[in-house]
Amino acid sequence: MVLVSGRLTAVPDVIALSKATLRNIRQNLFWTFVCNAALIPVAAGILWPSFGLLLSRFFAATAMALSSVLVRGNVLQLRRFAPATAN
């Protein structure tokens, strides 16, 4: 990160923001992996022989779009980041 102002007191805030960003990235990767791990085999037809369950293309596309919206919403939470230190 680049400090635009000359204040070195902002360094702890930058470190806190970078930790929050990494935590957000990990959350997004986890939930994306869980959704894909659950829905891709169903969309591929793995449950068809046993249960006769097949994911329609419409539902698969909707689930993928919803996943993208949820990731975007999680990222937007960083806009409300407030550093713990008082300047």
PDB file of N, CA and C in Angstrom:
ATOM      1  N   MET A   1       0.836  -1.172   0.000  1.00  0.00           N
ATOM      2  CA  MET A   1       0.000   0.000   0.000  1.00  0.00           C
ATOM      3  C   MET A   1       0.884   1.240   0.000  1.00  0.00           C
ATOM      4  N   VAL A   2       0.337   2.280  -0.534  1.00  0.00           N
ATOM      5  CA  VAL A   2       1.052   3.549  -0.607  1.00  0.00           C
ATOM      6  C   VAL A   2       0.333   4.551   0.284  1.00  0.00           C
ATOM      7  N   LEU A   3       1.098   5.173   1.150  1.00  0.00           N
ATOM      8  CA  LEU A   3       0.543   6.237   1.988  1.00  0.00           C
ATOM      9  C   LEU A   3       0.609   7.537   1.200  1.00  0.00           C
ATOM     10  N   VAL A   4      -0.542   8.089   0.866  1.00  0.00           N
ATOM     11  CA  VAL A   4      -0.575   9.316   0.089  1.00  0.00           C
ATOM     12  C   VAL A   4      -0.187  10.499   0.957  1.00  0.00           C
ATOM     13  N   SER A   5      -0.675  10.491   2.182  1.00  0.00           N
ATOM     14  CA  SER A   5      -0.295  11.580   3.081  1.00  0.00           C
ATOM     15  C   SER A   5       1.059  11.248   3.705  1.00  0.00           C
ATOM     16  N   GLY A   6       1.646  12.210   4.306  1.00  0.00           N
ATOM     17  CA  GLY A   6       2.945  12.011   4.929  1.00  0.00           C
ATOM     18  C   GLY A   6       2.871  11.518   6.364  1.00  0.00           C
ATOM     19  N   ARG A   7       1.662  11.141   6.817  1.00  0.00           N
ATOM     20  CA  ARG A   7       1.492  10.733   8.207  1.00  0.00           C
ATOM     21  C   ARG A   7       1.913   9.280   8.401  1.00  0.00           C
ATOM     22  N   LEU A   8       2.922   9.068   9.200  1.00  0.00           N
ATOM     23  CA  LEU A   8       3.330   7.700   9.514  1.00  0.00           C
ATOM     24  C   LEU A   8       2.409   7.061  10.543  1.00  0.00           C
ATOM     25  N   THR A   9       1.572   7.864  11.175  1.00  0.00           N
ATOM     26  CA  THR A   9       0.626   7.310  12.142  1.00  0.00           C
ATOM     27  C   THR A   9      -0.481   6.512  11.447  1.00  0.00           C
ATOM     28  N   ALA A  10      -0.580   6.624  10.132  1.00  0.00           N
ATOM     29  CA  ALA A  10      -1.591   5.875   9.382  1.00  0.00           C
ATOM     30  C   ALA A  10      -1.148   4.443   9.097  1.00  0.00           C
ATOM     31  N   VAL A  11       0.096   4.108   9.374  1.00  0.00           N
ATOM     32  CA  VAL A  11       0.604   2.761   9.088  1.00  0.00           C
ATOM     33  C   VAL A  11      -0.194   1.679   9.820  1.00  0.00           C
ATOM     34  N   PRO A  12      -0.525   1.818  11.105  1.00  0.00           N
ATOM     35  CA  PRO A  12      -1.344   0.787  11.750  1.00  0.00           C
ATOM     36  C   PRO A  12      -2.725   0.627  11.100  1.00  0.00           C
ATOM     37  N   ASP A  13      -3.298   1.738  10.623  1.00  0.00           N
ATOM     38  CA  ASP A  13      -4.587   1.663   9.938  1.00  0.00           C
ATOM     39  C   ASP A  13      -4.468   0.896   8.631  1.00  0.00           C
ATOM     40  N   VAL A  14      -3.386   1.120   7.923  1.00  0.00           N
ATOM     41  CA  VAL A  14      -3.154   0.418   6.658  1.00  0.00           C
ATOM     42  C   VAL A  14      -2.965  -1.075   6.913  1.00  0.00           C
ATOM     43  N   ILE A  15      -2.242  -1.418   7.952  1.00  0.00           N
ATOM     44  CA  ILE A  15      -2.033  -2.827   8.287  1.00  0.00           C
ATOM     45  C   ILE A  15      -3.358  -3.480   8.670  1.00  0.00           C
ATOM     46  N   ALA A  16      -4.177  -2.777   9.445  1.00  0.00           N
ATOM     47  CA  ALA A  16      -5.489  -3.313   9.827  1.00  0.00           C
ATOM     48  C   ALA A  16      -6.380  -3.500   8.603  1.00  0.00           C
ATOM     49  N   LEU A  17      -6.346  -2.554   7.672  1.00  0.00           N
ATOM     50  CA  LEU A  17      -7.135  -2.681   6.448  1.00  0.00           C
ATOM     51  C   LEU A  17      -6.655  -3.851   5.604  1.00  0.00           C
ATOM     52  N   SER A  18      -5.352  -4.056   5.534  1.00  0.00           N
ATOM     53  CA  SER A  18      -4.837  -5.176   4.745  1.00  0.00           C
ATOM     54  C   SER A  18      -5.228  -6.513   5.379  1.00  0.00           C
ATOM     55  N   LYS A  19      -5.247  -6.587   6.706  1.00  0.00           N
ATOM     56  CA  LYS A  19      -5.690  -7.822   7.374  1.00  0.00           C
ATOM     57  C   LYS A  19      -7.172  -8.073   7.126  1.00  0.00           C
ATOM     58  N   ALA A  20      -7.968  -7.009   7.170  1.00  0.00           N
ATOM     59  CA  ALA A  20      -9.400  -7.150   6.883  1.00  0.00           C
ATOM     60  C   ALA A  20      -9.621  -7.597   5.437  1.00  0.00           C
ATOM     61  N   THR A  21      -8.812  -7.090   4.527  1.00  0.00           N
ATOM     62  CA  THR A  21      -8.928  -7.468   3.117  1.00  0.00           C
ATOM     63  C   THR A  21      -8.579  -8.934   2.924  1.00  0.00           C
ATOM     64  N   LEU A  22      -7.514  -9.394   3.557  1.00  0.00           N
ATOM     65  CA  LEU A  22      -7.134 -10.805   3.439  1.00  0.00           C
ATOM     66  C   LEU A  22      -8.193 -11.715   4.050  1.00  0.00           C
ATOM     67  N   ARG A  23      -8.778 -11.306   5.169  1.00  0.00           N
ATOM     68  CA  ARG A  23      -9.849 -12.087   5.781  1.00  0.00           C
ATOM     69  C   ARG A  23     -11.052 -12.171   4.834  1.00  0.00           C
ATOM     70  N   ASN A  24     -11.358 -11.065   4.167  1.00  0.00           N
ATOM     71  CA  ASN A  24     -12.453 -11.024   3.218  1.00  0.00           C
ATOM     72  C   ASN A  24     -12.181 -11.932   2.019  1.00  0.00           C
ATOM     73  N   ILE A  25     -10.962 -11.933   1.540  1.00  0.00           N
ATOM     74  CA  ILE A  25     -10.582 -12.807   0.416  1.00  0.00           C
ATOM     75  C   ILE A  25     -10.742 -14.265   0.818  1.00  0.00           C
ATOM     76  N   ARG A  26     -10.299 -14.615   2.017  1.00  0.00           N
ATOM     77  CA  ARG A  26     -10.433 -16.006   2.480  1.00  0.00           C
ATOM     78  C   ARG A  26     -11.899 -16.415   2.595  1.00  0.00           C
ATOM     79  N   GLN A  27     -12.742 -15.524   3.097  1.00  0.00           N
ATOM     80  CA  GLN A  27     -14.176 -15.810   3.201  1.00  0.00           C
ATOM     81  C   GLN A  27     -14.771 -16.054   1.817  1.00  0.00           C
ATOM     82  N   ASN A  28     -14.437 -15.194   0.872  1.00  0.00           N
ATOM     83  CA  ASN A  28     -14.973 -15.335  -0.473  1.00  0.00           C
ATOM     84  C   ASN A  28     -14.516 -16.636  -1.126  1.00  0.00           C
ATOM     85  N   LEU A  29     -13.262 -16.974  -0.966  1.00  0.00           N
ATOM     86  CA  LEU A  29     -12.759 -18.229  -1.530  1.00  0.00           C
ATOM     87  C   LEU A  29     -13.435 -19.435  -0.895  1.00  0.00           C
ATOM     88  N   PHE A  30     -13.634 -19.394   0.412  1.00  0.00           N
ATOM     89  CA  PHE A  30     -14.277 -20.510   1.102  1.00  0.00           C
ATOM     90  C   PHE A  30     -15.692 -20.722   0.595  1.00  0.00           C
ATOM     91  N   TRP A  31     -16.499 -19.652   0.585  1.00  0.00           N
ATOM     92  CA  TRP A  31     -17.900 -19.806   0.185  1.00  0.00           C
ATOM     93  C   TRP A  31     -18.038 -20.149  -1.292  1.00  0.00           C
ATOM     94  N   THR A  32     -17.163 -19.616  -2.132  1.00  0.00           N
ATOM     95  CA  THR A  32     -17.200 -19.979  -3.546  1.00  0.00           C
ATOM     96  C   THR A  32     -16.856 -21.451  -3.724  1.00  0.00           C
ATOM     97  N   PHE A  33     -15.856 -21.926  -2.999  1.00  0.00           N
ATOM     98  CA  PHE A  33     -15.485 -23.339  -3.088  1.00  0.00           C
ATOM     99  C   PHE A  33     -16.628 -24.233  -2.608  1.00  0.00           C
ATOM    100  N   VAL A  34     -17.265 -23.869  -1.502  1.00  0.00           N
ATOM    101  CA  VAL A  34     -18.365 -24.678  -0.967  1.00  0.00           C
ATOM    102  C   VAL A  34     -19.517 -24.752  -1.973  1.00  0.00           C
ATOM    103  N   CYS A  35     -19.895 -23.608  -2.530  1.00  0.00           N
ATOM    104  CA  CYS A  35     -20.996 -23.599  -3.508  1.00  0.00           C
ATOM    105  C   CYS A  35     -20.653 -24.427  -4.739  1.00  0.00           C
ATOM    106  N   ASN A  36     -19.452 -24.243  -5.262  1.00  0.00           N
ATOM    107  CA  ASN A  36     -19.059 -24.999  -6.456  1.00  0.00           C
ATOM    108  C   ASN A  36     -18.908 -26.483  -6.164  1.00  0.00           C
ATOM    109  N   ALA A  37     -18.369 -26.819  -5.001  1.00  0.00           N
ATOM    110  CA  ALA A  37     -18.201 -28.230  -4.648  1.00  0.00           C
ATOM    111  C   ALA A  37     -19.552 -28.923  -4.483  1.00  0.00           C
ATOM    112  N   ALA A  38     -20.551 -28.177  -4.057  1.00  0.00           N
ATOM    113  CA  ALA A  38     -21.877 -28.774  -3.867  1.00  0.00           C
ATOM    114  C   ALA A  38     -22.673 -28.834  -5.164  1.00  0.00           C
ATOM    115  N   LEU A  39     -22.596 -27.789  -5.975  1.00  0.00           N
ATOM    116  CA  LEU A  39     -23.496 -27.704  -7.121  1.00  0.00           C
ATOM    117  C   LEU A  39     -22.939 -28.262  -8.429  1.00  0.00           C
ATOM    118  N   ILE A  40     -21.640 -28.248  -8.618  1.00  0.00           N
ATOM    119  CA  ILE A  40     -21.088 -28.747  -9.883  1.00  0.00           C
ATOM    120  C   ILE A  40     -21.351 -30.244 -10.059  1.00  0.00           C
ATOM    121  N   PRO A  41     -21.143 -31.079  -9.036  1.00  0.00           N
ATOM    122  CA  PRO A  41     -21.476 -32.499  -9.233  1.00  0.00           C
ATOM    123  C   PRO A  41     -22.961 -32.730  -9.508  1.00  0.00           C
ATOM    124  N   VAL A  42     -23.820 -31.946  -8.868  1.00  0.00           N
ATOM    125  CA  VAL A  42     -25.260 -32.091  -9.114  1.00  0.00           C
ATOM    126  C   VAL A  42     -25.580 -31.676 -10.546  1.00  0.00           C
ATOM    127  N   ALA A  43     -24.971 -30.578 -11.008  1.00  0.00           N
ATOM    128  CA  ALA A  43     -25.195 -30.131 -12.380  1.00  0.00           C
ATOM    129  C   ALA A  43     -24.639 -31.138 -13.388  1.00  0.00           C
ATOM    130  N   ALA A  44     -23.590 -31.842 -13.012  1.00  0.00           N
ATOM    131  CA  ALA A  44     -23.005 -32.845 -13.912  1.00  0.00           C
ATOM    132  C   ALA A  44     -23.816 -34.127 -13.947  1.00  0.00           C
ATOM    133  N   GLY A  45     -24.763 -34.264 -13.027  1.00  0.00           N
ATOM    134  CA  GLY A  45     -25.646 -35.426 -13.053  1.00  0.00           C
ATOM    135  C   GLY A  45     -25.235 -36.556 -12.147  1.00  0.00           C
ATOM    136  N   ILE A  46     -24.439 -36.299 -11.141  1.00  0.00           N
ATOM    137  CA  ILE A  46     -23.976 -37.372 -10.259  1.00  0.00           C
ATOM    138  C   ILE A  46     -25.124 -37.961  -9.423  1.00  0.00           C
ATOM    139  N   LEU A  47     -26.160 -37.173  -9.166  1.00  0.00           N
ATOM    140  CA  LEU A  47     -27.292 -37.664  -8.379  1.00  0.00           C
ATOM    141  C   LEU A  47     -28.403 -38.276  -9.250  1.00  0.00           C
ATOM    142  N   TRP A  48     -28.247 -38.227 -10.562  1.00  0.00           N
ATOM    143  CA  TRP A  48     -29.280 -38.746 -11.453  1.00  0.00           C
ATOM    144  C   TRP A  48     -29.507 -40.247 -11.305  1.00  0.00           C
ATOM    145  N   PRO A  49     -28.464 -41.080 -11.284  1.00  0.00           N
ATOM    146  CA  PRO A  49     -28.707 -42.529 -11.176  1.00  0.00           C
ATOM    147  C   PRO A  49     -29.360 -42.936  -9.849  1.00  0.00           C
ATOM    148  N   SER A  50     -29.003 -42.274  -8.758  1.00  0.00           N
ATOM    149  CA  SER A  50     -29.510 -42.664  -7.448  1.00  0.00           C
ATOM    150  C   SER A  50     -30.868 -42.059  -7.111  1.00  0.00           C
ATOM    151  N   PHE A  51     -31.000 -40.766  -7.345  1.00  0.00           N
ATOM    152  CA  PHE A  51     -32.186 -40.047  -6.889  1.00  0.00           C
ATOM    153  C   PHE A  51     -33.017 -39.443  -8.017  1.00  0.00           C
ATOM    154  N   GLY A  52     -32.516 -39.502  -9.223  1.00  0.00           N
ATOM    155  CA  GLY A  52     -33.224 -38.883 -10.337  1.00  0.00           C
ATOM    156  C   GLY A  52     -33.205 -37.367 -10.273  1.00  0.00           C
ATOM    157  N   LEU A  53     -32.212 -36.805  -9.579  1.00  0.00           N
ATOM    158  CA  LEU A  53     -32.101 -35.359  -9.390  1.00  0.00           C
ATOM    159  C   LEU A  53     -31.076 -34.798 -10.356  1.00  0.00           C
ATOM    160  N   LEU A  54     -31.515 -33.835 -11.137  1.00  0.00           N
ATOM    161  CA  LEU A  54     -30.624 -33.175 -12.092  1.00  0.00           C
ATOM    162  C   LEU A  54     -30.869 -31.677 -11.993  1.00  0.00           C
ATOM    163  N   LEU A  55     -29.822 -30.912 -11.935  1.00  0.00           N
ATOM    164  CA  LEU A  55     -29.908 -29.463 -11.817  1.00  0.00           C
ATOM    165  C   LEU A  55     -30.180 -28.875 -13.196  1.00  0.00           C
ATOM    166  N   SER A  56     -31.244 -28.098 -13.297  1.00  0.00           N
ATOM    167  CA  SER A  56     -31.555 -27.485 -14.593  1.00  0.00           C
ATOM    168  C   SER A  56     -30.528 -26.408 -14.911  1.00  0.00           C
ATOM    169  N   ARG A  57     -30.389 -26.091 -16.185  1.00  0.00           N
ATOM    170  CA  ARG A  57     -29.428 -25.072 -16.598  1.00  0.00           C
ATOM    171  C   ARG A  57     -29.805 -23.710 -16.033  1.00  0.00           C
ATOM    172  N   PHE A  58     -31.108 -23.441 -15.966  1.00  0.00           N
ATOM    173  CA  PHE A  58     -31.565 -22.171 -15.416  1.00  0.00           C
ATOM    174  C   PHE A  58     -31.158 -22.031 -13.955  1.00  0.00           C
ATOM    175  N   PHE A  59     -31.376 -23.086 -13.165  1.00  0.00           N
ATOM    176  CA  PHE A  59     -31.028 -23.025 -11.755  1.00  0.00           C
ATOM    177  C   PHE A  59     -29.518 -22.934 -11.567  1.00  0.00           C
ATOM    178  N   ALA A  60     -28.763 -23.638 -12.392  1.00  0.00           N
ATOM    179  CA  ALA A  60     -27.296 -23.579 -12.296  1.00  0.00           C
ATOM    180  C   ALA A  60     -26.795 -22.167 -12.604  1.00  0.00           C
ATOM    181  N   ALA A  61     -27.352 -21.544 -13.637  1.00  0.00           N
ATOM    182  CA  ALA A  61     -26.943 -20.177 -13.980  1.00  0.00           C
ATOM    183  C   ALA A  61     -27.359 -19.193 -12.891  1.00  0.00           C
ATOM    184  N   THR A  62     -28.544 -19.397 -12.327  1.00  0.00           N
ATOM    185  CA  THR A  62     -29.007 -18.528 -11.250  1.00  0.00           C
ATOM    186  C   THR A  62     -28.118 -18.671 -10.013  1.00  0.00           C
ATOM    187  N   ALA A  63     -27.749 -19.897  -9.687  1.00  0.00           N
ATOM    188  CA  ALA A  63     -26.875 -20.131  -8.531  1.00  0.00           C
ATOM    189  C   ALA A  63     -25.504 -19.494  -8.739  1.00  0.00           C
ATOM    190  N   MET A  64     -24.976 -19.561  -9.949  1.00  0.00           N
ATOM    191  CA  MET A  64     -23.672 -18.951 -10.221  1.00  0.00           C
ATOM    192  C   MET A  64     -23.764 -17.432 -10.126  1.00  0.00           C
ATOM    193  N   ALA A  65     -24.834 -16.861 -10.640  1.00  0.00           N
ATOM    194  CA  ALA A  65     -25.014 -15.411 -10.546  1.00  0.00           C
ATOM    195  C   ALA A  65     -25.196 -14.980  -9.091  1.00  0.00           C
ATOM    196  N   LEU A  66     -25.963 -15.750  -8.331  1.00  0.00           N
ATOM    197  CA  LEU A  66     -26.162 -15.438  -6.919  1.00  0.00           C
ATOM    198  C   LEU A  66     -24.844 -15.524  -6.154  1.00  0.00           C
ATOM    199  N   SER A  67     -24.020 -16.484  -6.504  1.00  0.00           N
ATOM    200  CA  SER A  67     -22.711 -16.604  -5.869  1.00  0.00           C
ATOM    201  C   SER A  67     -21.877 -15.351  -6.128  1.00  0.00           C
ATOM    202  N   SER A  68     -21.922 -14.860  -7.352  1.00  0.00           N
ATOM    203  CA  SER A  68     -21.165 -13.642  -7.684  1.00  0.00           C
ATOM    204  C   SER A  68     -21.705 -12.433  -6.925  1.00  0.00           C
ATOM    205  N   VAL A  69     -23.014 -12.352  -6.784  1.00  0.00           N
ATOM    206  CA  VAL A  69     -23.617 -11.237  -6.050  1.00  0.00           C
ATOM    207  C   VAL A  69     -23.229 -11.305  -4.573  1.00  0.00           C
ATOM    208  N   LEU A  70     -23.214 -12.494  -4.003  1.00  0.00           N
ATOM    209  CA  LEU A  70     -22.835 -12.633  -2.600  1.00  0.00           C
ATOM    210  C   LEU A  70     -21.378 -12.259  -2.369  1.00  0.00           C
ATOM    211  N   VAL A  71     -20.498 -12.642  -3.286  1.00  0.00           N
ATOM    212  CA  VAL A  71     -19.086 -12.271  -3.167  1.00  0.00           C
ATOM    213  C   VAL A  71     -18.945 -10.762  -3.255  1.00  0.00           C
ATOM    214  N   ARG A  72     -19.666 -10.144  -4.184  1.00  0.00           N
ATOM    215  CA  ARG A  72     -19.599  -8.692  -4.337  1.00  0.00           C
ATOM    216  C   ARG A  72     -20.105  -7.993  -3.070  1.00  0.00           C
ATOM    217  N   GLY A  73     -21.186  -8.513  -2.508  1.00  0.00           N
ATOM    218  CA  GLY A  73     -21.712  -7.933  -1.277  1.00  0.00           C
ATOM    219  C   GLY A  73     -20.737  -8.052  -0.122  1.00  0.00           C
ATOM    220  N   ASN A  74     -20.041  -9.171  -0.047  1.00  0.00           N
ATOM    221  CA  ASN A  74     -19.051  -9.354   1.011  1.00  0.00           C
ATOM    222  C   ASN A  74     -17.888  -8.380   0.828  1.00  0.00           C
ATOM    223  N   VAL A  75     -17.492  -8.145  -0.406  1.00  0.00           N
ATOM    224  CA  VAL A  75     -16.403  -7.203  -0.666  1.00  0.00           C
ATOM    225  C   VAL A  75     -16.824  -5.783  -0.290  1.00  0.00           C
ATOM    226  N   LEU A  76     -18.079  -5.443  -0.539  1.00  0.00           N
ATOM    227  CA  LEU A  76     -18.547  -4.088  -0.236  1.00  0.00           C
ATOM    228  C   LEU A  76     -18.545  -3.799   1.266  1.00  0.00           C
ATOM    229  N   GLN A  77     -18.472  -4.820   2.088  1.00  0.00           N
ATOM    230  CA  GLN A  77     -18.384  -4.592   3.527  1.00  0.00           C
ATOM    231  C   GLN A  77     -17.103  -3.857   3.900  1.00  0.00           C
ATOM    232  N   LEU A  78     -16.090  -3.961   3.085  1.00  0.00           N
ATOM    233  CA  LEU A  78     -14.831  -3.268   3.378  1.00  0.00           C
ATOM    234  C   LEU A  78     -14.979  -1.752   3.283  1.00  0.00           C
ATOM    235  N   ARG A  79     -16.023  -1.284   2.617  1.00  0.00           N
ATOM    236  CA  ARG A  79     -16.238   0.163   2.537  1.00  0.00           C
ATOM    237  C   ARG A  79     -16.548   0.746   3.909  1.00  0.00           C
ATOM    238  N   ARG A  80     -17.080  -0.085   4.796  1.00  0.00           N
ATOM    239  CA  ARG A  80     -17.416   0.376   6.151  1.00  0.00           C
ATOM    240  C   ARG A  80     -16.262   0.176   7.117  1.00  0.00           C
ATOM    241  N   PHE A  81     -15.087  -0.114   6.618  1.00  0.00           N
ATOM    242  CA  PHE A  81     -13.929  -0.344   7.487  1.00  0.00           C
ATOM    243  C   PHE A  81     -13.617   0.919   8.273  1.00  0.00           C
ATOM    244  N   ALA A  82     -13.498   0.765   9.569  1.00  0.00           N
ATOM    245  CA  ALA A  82     -13.123   1.878  10.454  1.00  0.00           C
ATOM    246  C   ALA A  82     -11.908   1.442  11.265  1.00  0.00           C
ATOM    247  N   PRO A  83     -10.812   2.138  11.141  1.00  0.00           N
ATOM    248  CA  PRO A  83      -9.622   1.763  11.911  1.00  0.00           C
ATOM    249  C   PRO A  83      -9.874   1.888  13.403  1.00  0.00           C
ATOM    250  N   ALA A  84      -9.231   1.032  14.158  1.00  0.00           N
ATOM    251  CA  ALA A  84      -9.428   1.016  15.611  1.00  0.00           C
ATOM    252  C   ALA A  84      -8.706   2.176  16.301  1.00  0.00           C
ATOM    253  N   THR A  85      -7.686   2.713  15.655  1.00  0.00           N
ATOM    254  CA  THR A  85      -6.930   3.791  16.283  1.00  0.00           C
ATOM    255  C   THR A  85      -7.607   5.121  16.028  1.00  0.00           C
ATOM    256  N   ALA A  86      -7.539   5.999  17.004  1.00  0.00           N
ATOM    257  CA  ALA A  86      -8.109   7.343  16.857  1.00  0.00           C
ATOM    258  C   ALA A  86      -7.001   8.309  16.454  1.00  0.00           C
ATOM    259  N   ASN A  87      -7.210   9.013  15.363  1.00  0.00           N
ATOM    260  CA  ASN A  87      -6.191   9.966  14.884  1.00  0.00           C
ATOM    261  C   ASN A  87      -6.564  11.376  15.242  1.00  0.00           C
TER     262      ASN A  87
END
